[in-house]
C-alpha cells in the first residue's frame, strides 16, 4: 500500500502568541531547526522570542520536509507577515546558527535587520583548532566585550596565547557574534541562541509523536 502525502508543510502561529509577543516582547527573534525523533520524517523550524523576564517565548513553528533555503524562505514569509516586520526588518534582531539556506533567506527577506550568529556555535568550530580551558575563557571574553576597545584588548590578550587563533577569529565576522558590535536599541546583548536550543530540548518527548499529536 502506497501512502499518500497529506501535506508538504505545516505552519503554526497562534493568535494569542502573536499578540502577546507584539504587545510585550522585544523585537528579538531566535531561529532554529531540529529533527523529528519518531516515525515522522522531516524537521521542525521554530521562531522563539524573549518575554519581559528574559524567558523563552514561543512565537511560531512549522513542520517541513527538509531544512533548506526554500523551506526557510517559506517559513520566514509567514513569520514576517504575522509579526508585521516591515521596512526590510529595520529595528529587528534575528539570532540564528548556520542552518542550511537560512542565511540566504534572511538576507533576502529582512536585509536591514540585525543579523546575529550564535557565538556558541562559532566557538564550537574555533575550538577544533584552539582548544583548552584557558583559550575558552579568552574567547568568551572577546565575545562578551562591551565595546570595540575592550574587544581589541581581549583579542590582543588572546593573541599572546595563540596568534593564529586571534586571526582566525576575525574570519567569522565578529560583528555578528560579538556584543561590542551590536546595534543600540535592541535592549538585548545576548551572543548565543540558547533560547531556541532550550525550546528544542523542552519538546524532546513531543518530537517522537505524530504531527497532529505533536502539535
N, C-alpha and C. Protein backbone atom coordinates (compact mmCIF):
# COMPACT_ATOMS: atom_id res chain seq x y z
N UNK A 1 0.85 -1.20 0.00
CA UNK A 1 0.00 0.00 0.00
C UNK A 1 0.88 1.24 0.00
N UNK A 2 0.62 2.15 -0.92
CA UNK A 2 1.40 3.37 -1.03
C UNK A 2 0.72 4.48 -0.22
N UNK A 3 1.48 5.07 0.68
CA UNK A 3 0.93 6.16 1.50
C UNK A 3 0.93 7.47 0.70
N UNK A 4 -0.19 8.16 0.73
CA UNK A 4 -0.29 9.43 0.03
C UNK A 4 0.08 10.58 0.97
N UNK A 5 0.75 11.55 0.44
CA UNK A 5 1.11 12.72 1.24
C UNK A 5 -0.12 13.60 1.47
N UNK A 6 -0.35 13.95 2.72
CA UNK A 6 -1.50 14.79 3.05
C UNK A 6 -1.13 16.26 2.93
N UNK A 7 0.07 16.61 3.37
CA UNK A 7 0.55 17.98 3.23
C UNK A 7 2.07 17.95 3.13
N UNK A 8 2.61 19.04 2.59
CA UNK A 8 4.05 19.14 2.47
C UNK A 8 4.65 19.85 3.67
N UNK A 9 3.98 20.95 4.09
CA UNK A 9 4.46 21.75 5.20
C UNK A 9 3.28 22.20 6.05
N UNK A 10 3.58 22.58 7.30
CA UNK A 10 2.51 22.90 8.25
C UNK A 10 3.02 24.01 9.14
N UNK A 11 2.42 25.21 9.03
CA UNK A 11 2.86 26.39 9.80
C UNK A 11 1.88 26.68 10.91
N UNK A 12 2.40 26.99 12.11
CA UNK A 12 1.54 27.27 13.27
C UNK A 12 2.00 28.56 13.93
N UNK A 13 1.07 29.49 14.12
CA UNK A 13 1.32 30.70 14.90
C UNK A 13 0.00 31.09 15.55
N UNK A 14 -0.19 30.73 16.80
CA UNK A 14 -1.45 31.01 17.49
C UNK A 14 -1.63 32.51 17.67
N UNK A 15 -2.87 32.95 17.56
CA UNK A 15 -3.17 34.37 17.65
C UNK A 15 -2.73 34.96 18.98
N UNK A 16 -2.93 34.20 20.08
CA UNK A 16 -2.54 34.69 21.40
C UNK A 16 -1.02 34.87 21.51
N UNK A 17 -0.27 33.93 20.93
CA UNK A 17 1.20 34.04 20.94
C UNK A 17 1.65 35.26 20.15
N UNK A 18 1.04 35.45 19.02
CA UNK A 18 1.40 36.59 18.16
C UNK A 18 1.09 37.91 18.85
N UNK A 19 -0.11 38.04 19.38
CA UNK A 19 -0.49 39.29 20.05
C UNK A 19 0.34 39.53 21.30
N UNK A 20 0.61 38.48 22.05
CA UNK A 20 1.41 38.63 23.26
C UNK A 20 2.83 39.10 22.94
N UNK A 21 3.41 38.54 21.89
CA UNK A 21 4.76 38.94 21.50
C UNK A 21 4.79 40.41 21.07
N UNK A 22 3.86 40.80 20.23
CA UNK A 22 3.83 42.17 19.72
C UNK A 22 3.54 43.17 20.84
N UNK A 23 2.80 42.75 21.85
CA UNK A 23 2.40 43.67 22.92
C UNK A 23 3.46 43.82 24.00
N UNK A 24 4.23 42.76 24.26
CA UNK A 24 5.09 42.85 25.44
C UNK A 24 6.51 42.34 25.31
N UNK A 25 6.96 42.01 24.10
CA UNK A 25 8.32 41.46 23.94
C UNK A 25 9.18 42.37 23.07
N UNK A 26 10.48 42.27 23.28
CA UNK A 26 11.42 43.00 22.44
C UNK A 26 11.43 42.40 21.03
N UNK A 27 11.85 43.21 20.08
CA UNK A 27 11.86 42.75 18.69
C UNK A 27 13.13 41.95 18.41
N UNK A 28 13.26 40.87 19.17
CA UNK A 28 14.40 39.96 19.06
C UNK A 28 13.86 38.56 18.86
N UNK A 29 14.26 37.90 17.78
CA UNK A 29 13.72 36.58 17.45
C UNK A 29 14.87 35.61 17.18
N UNK A 30 14.83 34.46 17.84
CA UNK A 30 15.78 33.40 17.58
C UNK A 30 15.18 32.39 16.62
N UNK A 31 15.97 31.92 15.67
CA UNK A 31 15.51 30.95 14.67
C UNK A 31 16.35 29.68 14.76
N UNK A 32 15.68 28.54 14.66
CA UNK A 32 16.42 27.27 14.73
C UNK A 32 15.58 26.16 14.13
N UNK A 33 16.22 25.05 13.86
CA UNK A 33 15.53 23.87 13.34
C UNK A 33 16.01 22.63 14.06
N UNK A 34 15.18 21.60 14.12
CA UNK A 34 15.57 20.34 14.75
C UNK A 34 14.84 19.19 14.07
N UNK A 35 15.40 18.00 14.21
CA UNK A 35 14.83 16.81 13.59
C UNK A 35 13.70 16.23 14.44
N UNK A 36 12.74 15.57 13.76
CA UNK A 36 11.78 14.73 14.46
C UNK A 36 12.49 13.46 14.90
N UNK A 37 12.03 12.86 15.98
CA UNK A 37 12.73 11.72 16.55
C UNK A 37 12.02 10.37 16.32
N UNK A 38 10.74 10.40 16.00
CA UNK A 38 9.99 9.16 15.87
C UNK A 38 9.87 8.71 14.42
N UNK A 39 8.71 8.09 14.12
CA UNK A 39 8.46 7.58 12.78
C UNK A 39 8.23 8.70 11.78
N UNK A 40 7.84 9.88 12.28
CA UNK A 40 7.59 11.01 11.40
C UNK A 40 8.90 11.56 10.85
N UNK A 41 9.00 11.67 9.56
CA UNK A 41 10.19 12.23 8.95
C UNK A 41 10.02 13.73 8.77
N UNK A 42 11.12 14.44 8.62
CA UNK A 42 11.07 15.88 8.43
C UNK A 42 11.73 16.62 9.58
N UNK A 43 11.56 17.94 9.56
CA UNK A 43 12.18 18.77 10.57
C UNK A 43 11.21 19.83 11.07
N UNK A 44 11.51 20.35 12.25
CA UNK A 44 10.70 21.39 12.87
C UNK A 44 11.49 22.70 12.85
N UNK A 45 10.91 23.75 12.27
CA UNK A 45 11.50 25.08 12.31
C UNK A 45 10.77 25.89 13.37
N UNK A 46 11.49 26.72 14.11
CA UNK A 46 10.84 27.49 15.17
C UNK A 46 11.38 28.91 15.24
N UNK A 47 10.53 29.79 15.73
CA UNK A 47 10.89 31.19 16.00
C UNK A 47 10.57 31.45 17.47
N UNK A 48 11.60 31.81 18.24
CA UNK A 48 11.46 31.97 19.68
C UNK A 48 11.84 33.39 20.09
N UNK A 49 10.97 34.04 20.89
CA UNK A 49 11.26 35.37 21.40
C UNK A 49 11.65 35.33 22.86
N UNK A 50 11.75 36.52 23.46
CA UNK A 50 12.07 36.66 24.88
C UNK A 50 11.00 37.54 25.51
N UNK A 51 10.46 37.09 26.65
CA UNK A 51 9.42 37.88 27.30
C UNK A 51 10.05 38.93 28.22
N UNK A 52 9.22 39.60 29.00
CA UNK A 52 9.70 40.68 29.85
C UNK A 52 10.66 40.21 30.93
N UNK A 53 10.60 38.92 31.27
CA UNK A 53 11.52 38.34 32.26
C UNK A 53 12.72 37.67 31.60
N UNK A 54 12.90 37.93 30.30
CA UNK A 54 14.01 37.37 29.54
C UNK A 54 13.91 35.84 29.45
N UNK A 55 12.67 35.35 29.45
CA UNK A 55 12.43 33.92 29.37
C UNK A 55 11.96 33.54 27.96
N UNK A 56 11.98 32.26 27.69
CA UNK A 56 11.62 31.72 26.39
C UNK A 56 10.16 32.01 26.05
N UNK A 57 9.92 32.53 24.86
CA UNK A 57 8.56 32.84 24.41
C UNK A 57 8.35 32.28 23.00
N UNK A 58 7.71 31.11 22.87
CA UNK A 58 7.46 30.53 21.54
C UNK A 58 6.53 31.42 20.72
N UNK A 59 6.93 31.72 19.50
CA UNK A 59 6.13 32.58 18.62
C UNK A 59 5.44 31.76 17.54
N UNK A 60 6.24 31.01 16.78
CA UNK A 60 5.69 30.22 15.67
C UNK A 60 6.60 29.03 15.41
N UNK A 61 6.03 28.00 14.76
CA UNK A 61 6.83 26.84 14.38
C UNK A 61 6.20 26.22 13.14
N UNK A 62 6.95 25.39 12.49
CA UNK A 62 6.47 24.78 11.25
C UNK A 62 7.08 23.41 11.06
N UNK A 63 6.30 22.51 10.46
CA UNK A 63 6.78 21.18 10.10
C UNK A 63 7.13 21.22 8.62
N UNK A 64 8.35 20.91 8.27
CA UNK A 64 8.80 20.95 6.88
C UNK A 64 9.49 19.63 6.52
N UNK A 65 9.60 19.39 5.22
CA UNK A 65 10.19 18.14 4.77
C UNK A 65 11.71 18.11 4.96
N UNK A 66 12.36 19.25 4.71
CA UNK A 66 13.80 19.37 4.89
C UNK A 66 14.13 20.81 5.27
N UNK A 67 15.26 20.98 5.91
CA UNK A 67 15.73 22.32 6.26
C UNK A 67 16.56 22.86 5.11
N UNK A 68 15.93 23.67 4.25
CA UNK A 68 16.56 24.19 3.05
C UNK A 68 16.27 25.68 2.92
N UNK A 69 16.88 26.29 1.92
CA UNK A 69 16.59 27.70 1.63
C UNK A 69 15.10 27.88 1.34
N UNK A 70 14.51 26.98 0.56
CA UNK A 70 13.11 27.10 0.18
C UNK A 70 12.19 27.01 1.39
N UNK A 71 12.45 26.05 2.29
CA UNK A 71 11.58 25.90 3.47
C UNK A 71 11.76 27.06 4.45
N UNK A 72 12.98 27.55 4.61
CA UNK A 72 13.19 28.70 5.49
C UNK A 72 12.56 29.95 4.90
N UNK A 73 12.65 30.14 3.60
CA UNK A 73 12.04 31.31 2.95
C UNK A 73 10.52 31.27 3.13
N UNK A 74 9.95 30.08 2.97
CA UNK A 74 8.51 29.89 3.16
C UNK A 74 8.11 30.22 4.59
N UNK A 75 8.86 29.69 5.56
CA UNK A 75 8.56 29.92 6.97
C UNK A 75 8.70 31.39 7.34
N UNK A 76 9.79 32.03 6.93
CA UNK A 76 10.03 33.43 7.27
C UNK A 76 9.03 34.36 6.61
N UNK A 77 8.52 33.95 5.44
CA UNK A 77 7.50 34.76 4.79
C UNK A 77 6.24 34.88 5.64
N UNK A 78 5.79 33.77 6.20
CA UNK A 78 4.63 33.79 7.10
C UNK A 78 4.95 34.54 8.39
N UNK A 79 6.13 34.31 8.94
CA UNK A 79 6.52 34.97 10.19
C UNK A 79 6.59 36.48 10.00
N UNK A 80 7.13 36.91 8.89
CA UNK A 80 7.23 38.33 8.58
C UNK A 80 5.86 38.99 8.54
N UNK A 81 4.90 38.29 7.98
CA UNK A 81 3.53 38.82 7.90
C UNK A 81 2.88 38.84 9.28
N UNK A 82 3.03 37.77 10.06
CA UNK A 82 2.39 37.68 11.37
C UNK A 82 2.94 38.72 12.35
N UNK A 83 4.25 38.97 12.31
CA UNK A 83 4.87 39.91 13.24
C UNK A 83 4.93 41.34 12.69
N UNK A 84 4.36 41.52 11.50
CA UNK A 84 4.30 42.84 10.87
C UNK A 84 5.69 43.45 10.73
N UNK A 85 6.64 42.63 10.27
CA UNK A 85 8.01 43.10 10.06
C UNK A 85 8.07 43.81 8.72
N UNK A 86 8.28 45.11 8.76
CA UNK A 86 8.30 45.92 7.54
C UNK A 86 9.63 46.63 7.41
N UNK A 87 9.77 47.40 6.36
CA UNK A 87 10.96 48.21 6.11
C UNK A 87 12.24 47.37 6.11
N UNK A 88 12.14 46.17 5.55
CA UNK A 88 13.30 45.31 5.43
C UNK A 88 13.82 44.78 6.75
N UNK A 89 12.99 44.86 7.80
CA UNK A 89 13.41 44.36 9.11
C UNK A 89 14.15 45.38 9.95
N UNK A 90 14.12 46.64 9.56
CA UNK A 90 14.80 47.69 10.33
C UNK A 90 14.29 47.71 11.77
N UNK A 91 15.23 47.67 12.74
CA UNK A 91 14.87 47.69 14.14
C UNK A 91 14.66 46.30 14.76
N UNK A 92 14.76 45.26 13.95
CA UNK A 92 14.60 43.90 14.44
C UNK A 92 15.95 43.22 14.58
N UNK A 93 16.01 42.23 15.46
CA UNK A 93 17.22 41.42 15.65
C UNK A 93 16.86 39.96 15.44
N UNK A 94 17.61 39.28 14.58
CA UNK A 94 17.43 37.85 14.35
C UNK A 94 18.69 37.13 14.77
N UNK A 95 18.53 36.09 15.60
CA UNK A 95 19.67 35.31 16.07
C UNK A 95 19.51 33.88 15.56
N UNK A 96 20.54 33.36 14.96
CA UNK A 96 20.44 32.01 14.40
C UNK A 96 21.81 31.37 14.29
N UNK A 97 21.81 30.07 13.98
CA UNK A 97 23.04 29.33 13.76
C UNK A 97 23.28 29.27 12.25
N UNK A 98 24.15 28.41 11.84
CA UNK A 98 24.47 28.32 10.41
C UNK A 98 23.67 27.21 9.75
N UNK A 99 22.33 27.31 9.84
CA UNK A 99 21.47 26.31 9.23
C UNK A 99 21.51 26.42 7.71
N UNK A 100 21.24 25.30 7.06
CA UNK A 100 21.26 25.27 5.61
C UNK A 100 20.21 26.20 5.02
N UNK A 101 20.63 27.14 4.20
CA UNK A 101 19.71 28.01 3.49
C UNK A 101 19.16 29.17 4.28
N UNK A 102 19.33 29.17 5.60
CA UNK A 102 18.71 30.21 6.42
C UNK A 102 19.35 31.57 6.18
N UNK A 103 20.66 31.63 6.11
CA UNK A 103 21.34 32.90 5.94
C UNK A 103 20.88 33.62 4.67
N UNK A 104 20.75 32.88 3.58
CA UNK A 104 20.31 33.48 2.32
C UNK A 104 18.87 33.96 2.42
N UNK A 105 18.00 33.16 3.02
CA UNK A 105 16.59 33.54 3.14
C UNK A 105 16.43 34.78 4.00
N UNK A 106 17.14 34.86 5.11
CA UNK A 106 17.08 36.03 5.99
C UNK A 106 17.59 37.27 5.28
N UNK A 107 18.69 37.13 4.55
CA UNK A 107 19.29 38.27 3.86
C UNK A 107 18.36 38.82 2.78
N UNK A 108 17.57 37.96 2.17
CA UNK A 108 16.67 38.41 1.11
C UNK A 108 15.38 39.02 1.67
N UNK A 109 14.84 38.44 2.73
CA UNK A 109 13.55 38.91 3.24
C UNK A 109 13.68 40.08 4.21
N UNK A 110 14.68 40.06 5.06
CA UNK A 110 14.86 41.13 6.06
C UNK A 110 16.32 41.60 6.06
N UNK A 111 16.77 42.20 4.98
CA UNK A 111 18.18 42.58 4.86
C UNK A 111 18.61 43.67 5.83
N UNK A 112 17.67 44.46 6.34
CA UNK A 112 18.02 45.58 7.21
C UNK A 112 17.93 45.23 8.69
N UNK A 113 17.55 44.00 8.99
CA UNK A 113 17.53 43.55 10.38
C UNK A 113 18.96 43.30 10.85
N UNK A 114 19.17 43.34 12.16
CA UNK A 114 20.48 43.00 12.70
C UNK A 114 20.60 41.48 12.75
N UNK A 115 21.58 40.95 12.06
CA UNK A 115 21.75 39.51 11.96
C UNK A 115 22.85 39.06 12.92
N UNK A 116 22.48 38.24 13.89
CA UNK A 116 23.44 37.73 14.86
C UNK A 116 23.62 36.22 14.68
N UNK A 117 24.86 35.79 14.80
CA UNK A 117 25.19 34.37 14.77
C UNK A 117 25.44 33.90 16.20
N UNK A 118 25.08 32.67 16.48
CA UNK A 118 25.26 32.12 17.82
C UNK A 118 26.75 31.94 18.11
N UNK A 119 27.26 32.65 19.11
CA UNK A 119 28.69 32.59 19.45
C UNK A 119 29.08 31.20 19.93
N UNK A 120 28.14 30.47 20.48
CA UNK A 120 28.45 29.13 20.97
C UNK A 120 28.83 28.21 19.81
N UNK A 121 28.15 28.37 18.67
CA UNK A 121 28.49 27.57 17.50
C UNK A 121 29.78 28.06 16.84
N UNK A 122 30.00 29.37 16.89
CA UNK A 122 31.26 29.91 16.38
C UNK A 122 32.42 29.33 17.19
N UNK A 123 32.23 29.30 18.51
CA UNK A 123 33.28 28.76 19.37
C UNK A 123 33.48 27.26 19.14
N UNK A 124 32.39 26.52 18.91
CA UNK A 124 32.50 25.08 18.70
C UNK A 124 33.38 24.76 17.50
N UNK A 125 33.29 25.58 16.46
CA UNK A 125 34.16 25.38 15.29
C UNK A 125 35.58 25.86 15.56
N UNK A 126 35.70 26.98 16.26
CA UNK A 126 37.01 27.57 16.55
C UNK A 126 37.83 26.65 17.47
N UNK A 127 37.19 26.02 18.41
CA UNK A 127 37.89 25.20 19.40
C UNK A 127 38.48 23.93 18.80
N UNK A 128 38.04 23.55 17.60
CA UNK A 128 38.60 22.36 16.96
C UNK A 128 40.10 22.51 16.71
N UNK A 129 40.53 23.77 16.53
CA UNK A 129 41.96 24.03 16.33
C UNK A 129 42.59 24.66 17.57
N UNK A 130 41.77 25.34 18.35
CA UNK A 130 42.31 26.09 19.50
C UNK A 130 41.53 25.72 20.76
N UNK A 131 41.75 24.51 21.23
CA UNK A 131 41.02 24.02 22.39
C UNK A 131 41.72 24.38 23.70
N UNK A 132 41.13 23.93 24.78
CA UNK A 132 41.70 24.18 26.10
C UNK A 132 40.89 25.20 26.88
N UNK A 133 40.82 25.00 28.19
CA UNK A 133 40.00 25.86 29.04
C UNK A 133 40.51 27.30 29.07
N UNK A 134 41.84 27.46 29.01
CA UNK A 134 42.42 28.80 29.06
C UNK A 134 42.02 29.62 27.85
N UNK A 135 42.09 29.02 26.66
CA UNK A 135 41.69 29.71 25.44
C UNK A 135 40.17 29.91 25.40
N UNK A 136 39.43 28.97 26.00
CA UNK A 136 37.98 29.12 26.04
C UNK A 136 37.57 30.39 26.78
N UNK A 137 38.18 30.62 27.93
CA UNK A 137 37.86 31.83 28.70
C UNK A 137 38.20 33.09 27.91
N UNK A 138 39.33 33.07 27.21
CA UNK A 138 39.73 34.25 26.45
C UNK A 138 38.82 34.49 25.26
N UNK A 139 38.34 33.40 24.64
CA UNK A 139 37.39 33.55 23.53
C UNK A 139 36.12 34.24 24.01
N UNK A 140 35.59 33.76 25.15
CA UNK A 140 34.32 34.32 25.62
C UNK A 140 34.48 35.74 26.15
N UNK A 141 35.64 36.11 26.62
CA UNK A 141 35.88 37.49 26.97
C UNK A 141 35.79 38.38 25.74
N UNK A 142 36.30 37.86 24.61
CA UNK A 142 36.18 38.61 23.36
C UNK A 142 34.71 38.72 22.94
N UNK A 143 33.99 37.61 22.99
CA UNK A 143 32.59 37.58 22.54
C UNK A 143 31.71 38.51 23.36
N UNK A 144 32.00 38.64 24.66
CA UNK A 144 31.14 39.43 25.54
C UNK A 144 31.72 40.81 25.85
N UNK A 145 32.70 41.24 25.07
CA UNK A 145 33.27 42.58 25.25
C UNK A 145 32.19 43.63 25.02
N UNK A 146 32.16 44.63 25.87
CA UNK A 146 31.08 45.63 25.81
C UNK A 146 31.32 46.73 24.79
N UNK A 147 32.54 46.87 24.28
CA UNK A 147 32.82 47.87 23.25
C UNK A 147 34.02 47.39 22.43
N UNK A 148 34.26 48.06 21.32
CA UNK A 148 35.31 47.61 20.42
C UNK A 148 36.71 47.78 21.02
N UNK A 149 36.89 48.78 21.87
CA UNK A 149 38.19 48.96 22.52
C UNK A 149 38.49 47.76 23.41
N UNK A 150 37.50 47.32 24.17
CA UNK A 150 37.70 46.16 25.05
C UNK A 150 37.85 44.89 24.22
N UNK A 151 37.12 44.81 23.11
CA UNK A 151 37.27 43.64 22.22
C UNK A 151 38.70 43.56 21.69
N UNK A 152 39.24 44.67 21.23
CA UNK A 152 40.61 44.67 20.72
C UNK A 152 41.61 44.31 21.82
N UNK A 153 41.35 44.79 23.03
CA UNK A 153 42.22 44.46 24.17
C UNK A 153 42.18 42.95 24.47
N UNK A 154 40.96 42.41 24.54
CA UNK A 154 40.82 40.98 24.84
C UNK A 154 41.37 40.11 23.72
N UNK A 155 41.22 40.58 22.49
CA UNK A 155 41.78 39.82 21.37
C UNK A 155 43.31 39.86 21.40
N UNK A 156 43.87 40.99 21.82
CA UNK A 156 45.32 41.08 21.96
C UNK A 156 45.82 40.13 23.04
N UNK A 157 45.05 39.99 24.13
CA UNK A 157 45.42 39.05 25.18
C UNK A 157 45.35 37.61 24.66
N UNK A 158 44.37 37.35 23.81
CA UNK A 158 44.26 36.03 23.19
C UNK A 158 45.45 35.76 22.27
N UNK A 159 45.86 36.79 21.53
CA UNK A 159 46.99 36.64 20.60
C UNK A 159 48.29 36.29 21.32
N UNK A 160 48.38 36.65 22.60
CA UNK A 160 49.56 36.28 23.37
C UNK A 160 49.66 34.78 23.56
N UNK A 161 48.50 34.12 23.52
CA UNK A 161 48.46 32.67 23.66
C UNK A 161 48.49 31.97 22.30
N UNK A 162 47.76 32.52 21.34
CA UNK A 162 47.71 31.93 20.00
C UNK A 162 47.45 33.02 18.97
N UNK A 163 48.47 33.36 18.21
CA UNK A 163 48.36 34.39 17.17
C UNK A 163 47.40 33.93 16.08
N UNK A 164 47.52 32.68 15.67
CA UNK A 164 46.65 32.16 14.62
C UNK A 164 45.19 32.13 15.07
N UNK A 165 44.97 31.80 16.33
CA UNK A 165 43.61 31.78 16.85
C UNK A 165 42.97 33.15 16.84
N UNK A 166 43.75 34.17 17.18
CA UNK A 166 43.24 35.55 17.16
C UNK A 166 42.93 36.00 15.74
N UNK A 167 43.72 35.53 14.77
CA UNK A 167 43.47 35.88 13.37
C UNK A 167 42.25 35.15 12.83
N UNK A 168 42.15 33.85 13.14
CA UNK A 168 41.03 33.07 12.64
C UNK A 168 39.70 33.54 13.21
N UNK A 169 39.72 34.14 14.39
CA UNK A 169 38.50 34.67 14.99
C UNK A 169 37.85 35.71 14.09
N UNK A 170 38.65 36.49 13.38
CA UNK A 170 38.13 37.56 12.52
C UNK A 170 37.52 37.03 11.24
N UNK A 171 37.80 35.77 10.89
CA UNK A 171 37.26 35.20 9.67
C UNK A 171 35.77 34.94 9.77
N UNK A 172 35.24 34.91 10.97
CA UNK A 172 33.82 34.62 11.18
C UNK A 172 32.99 35.87 11.44
N UNK A 173 33.50 37.04 11.03
CA UNK A 173 32.75 38.30 11.14
C UNK A 173 32.23 38.56 12.55
N UNK A 174 33.10 39.00 13.48
CA UNK A 174 32.70 39.21 14.87
C UNK A 174 31.55 40.20 15.05
N UNK A 175 31.28 41.04 14.06
CA UNK A 175 30.14 41.96 14.20
C UNK A 175 28.82 41.22 14.32
N UNK A 176 28.81 39.93 13.95
CA UNK A 176 27.59 39.13 14.04
C UNK A 176 27.49 38.32 15.33
N UNK A 177 28.58 38.21 16.09
CA UNK A 177 28.51 37.38 17.30
C UNK A 177 29.19 38.00 18.53
N UNK A 178 29.75 39.18 18.38
CA UNK A 178 30.41 39.86 19.50
C UNK A 178 29.56 41.02 19.98
N UNK A 179 29.34 41.10 21.27
CA UNK A 179 28.49 42.14 21.87
C UNK A 179 28.97 43.55 21.54
N UNK A 180 30.27 43.73 21.36
CA UNK A 180 30.84 45.06 21.11
C UNK A 180 30.30 45.70 19.83
N UNK A 181 29.86 44.87 18.88
CA UNK A 181 29.44 45.39 17.58
C UNK A 181 27.93 45.45 17.42
N UNK A 182 27.18 45.05 18.44
CA UNK A 182 25.72 45.05 18.33
C UNK A 182 25.18 46.48 18.28
N UNK A 183 24.08 46.65 17.57
CA UNK A 183 23.45 47.96 17.45
C UNK A 183 22.76 48.34 18.75
N UNK A 184 22.68 49.64 19.00
CA UNK A 184 21.95 50.15 20.16
C UNK A 184 20.45 50.10 19.88
N UNK A 185 19.68 49.93 20.93
CA UNK A 185 18.23 50.00 20.78
C UNK A 185 17.51 48.66 20.88
N UNK A 186 18.23 47.56 20.71
CA UNK A 186 17.56 46.26 20.77
C UNK A 186 17.29 45.82 22.20
N UNK A 187 18.03 46.42 23.17
CA UNK A 187 17.89 46.05 24.59
C UNK A 187 18.12 44.55 24.81
N UNK A 188 19.01 43.98 24.02
CA UNK A 188 19.35 42.56 24.15
C UNK A 188 20.81 42.39 23.76
N UNK A 189 21.62 41.95 24.72
CA UNK A 189 23.05 41.79 24.44
C UNK A 189 23.44 40.31 24.36
N UNK A 190 22.48 39.44 24.11
CA UNK A 190 22.76 38.01 24.04
C UNK A 190 23.65 37.70 22.84
N UNK A 191 24.66 36.85 23.08
CA UNK A 191 25.57 36.45 21.99
C UNK A 191 25.34 34.99 21.58
N UNK A 192 24.29 34.37 22.09
CA UNK A 192 24.03 32.98 21.74
C UNK A 192 22.55 32.78 21.41
N UNK A 193 22.25 31.59 20.93
CA UNK A 193 20.88 31.25 20.55
C UNK A 193 20.33 30.16 21.47
N UNK A 194 20.67 30.26 22.75
CA UNK A 194 20.31 29.21 23.70
C UNK A 194 18.80 29.08 23.93
N UNK A 195 18.05 30.17 23.69
CA UNK A 195 16.60 30.09 23.85
C UNK A 195 16.02 29.02 22.93
N UNK A 196 16.48 29.02 21.68
CA UNK A 196 15.98 28.03 20.73
C UNK A 196 16.43 26.63 21.10
N UNK A 197 17.68 26.52 21.53
CA UNK A 197 18.19 25.21 21.95
C UNK A 197 17.39 24.68 23.13
N UNK A 198 17.04 25.57 24.06
CA UNK A 198 16.25 25.16 25.22
C UNK A 198 14.84 24.74 24.80
N UNK A 199 14.27 25.45 23.85
CA UNK A 199 12.95 25.10 23.34
C UNK A 199 12.98 23.72 22.69
N UNK A 200 13.97 23.48 21.84
CA UNK A 200 14.09 22.18 21.18
C UNK A 200 14.23 21.05 22.19
N UNK A 201 14.96 21.32 23.26
CA UNK A 201 15.15 20.30 24.29
C UNK A 201 13.87 20.08 25.11
N UNK A 202 13.13 21.17 25.33
CA UNK A 202 11.91 21.06 26.15
C UNK A 202 10.80 20.28 25.46
N UNK A 203 10.84 20.20 24.13
CA UNK A 203 9.81 19.46 23.39
C UNK A 203 10.35 18.11 22.89
N UNK A 204 11.40 17.62 23.51
CA UNK A 204 12.04 16.38 23.06
C UNK A 204 11.05 15.23 23.00
N UNK A 205 10.24 15.05 24.03
CA UNK A 205 9.28 13.94 24.04
C UNK A 205 8.24 14.10 22.93
N UNK A 206 7.81 15.33 22.69
CA UNK A 206 6.80 15.58 21.65
C UNK A 206 7.34 15.30 20.26
N UNK A 207 8.62 15.41 20.09
CA UNK A 207 9.23 15.19 18.76
C UNK A 207 9.19 13.72 18.34
N UNK A 208 8.81 12.83 19.26
CA UNK A 208 8.65 11.42 18.93
C UNK A 208 7.22 11.11 18.46
N UNK A 209 6.30 12.07 18.60
CA UNK A 209 4.89 11.82 18.31
C UNK A 209 4.56 12.12 16.85
N UNK A 210 3.40 11.62 16.37
CA UNK A 210 2.92 12.02 15.04
C UNK A 210 2.66 13.52 15.01
N UNK A 211 2.57 14.08 13.82
CA UNK A 211 2.49 15.54 13.68
C UNK A 211 1.30 16.14 14.42
N UNK A 212 0.12 15.57 14.25
CA UNK A 212 -1.08 16.14 14.89
C UNK A 212 -0.97 16.08 16.41
N UNK A 213 -0.54 14.95 16.95
CA UNK A 213 -0.38 14.81 18.40
C UNK A 213 0.72 15.72 18.90
N UNK A 214 1.76 15.89 18.12
CA UNK A 214 2.87 16.76 18.50
C UNK A 214 2.40 18.20 18.65
N UNK A 215 1.53 18.62 17.79
CA UNK A 215 1.06 19.99 17.81
C UNK A 215 0.15 20.25 19.00
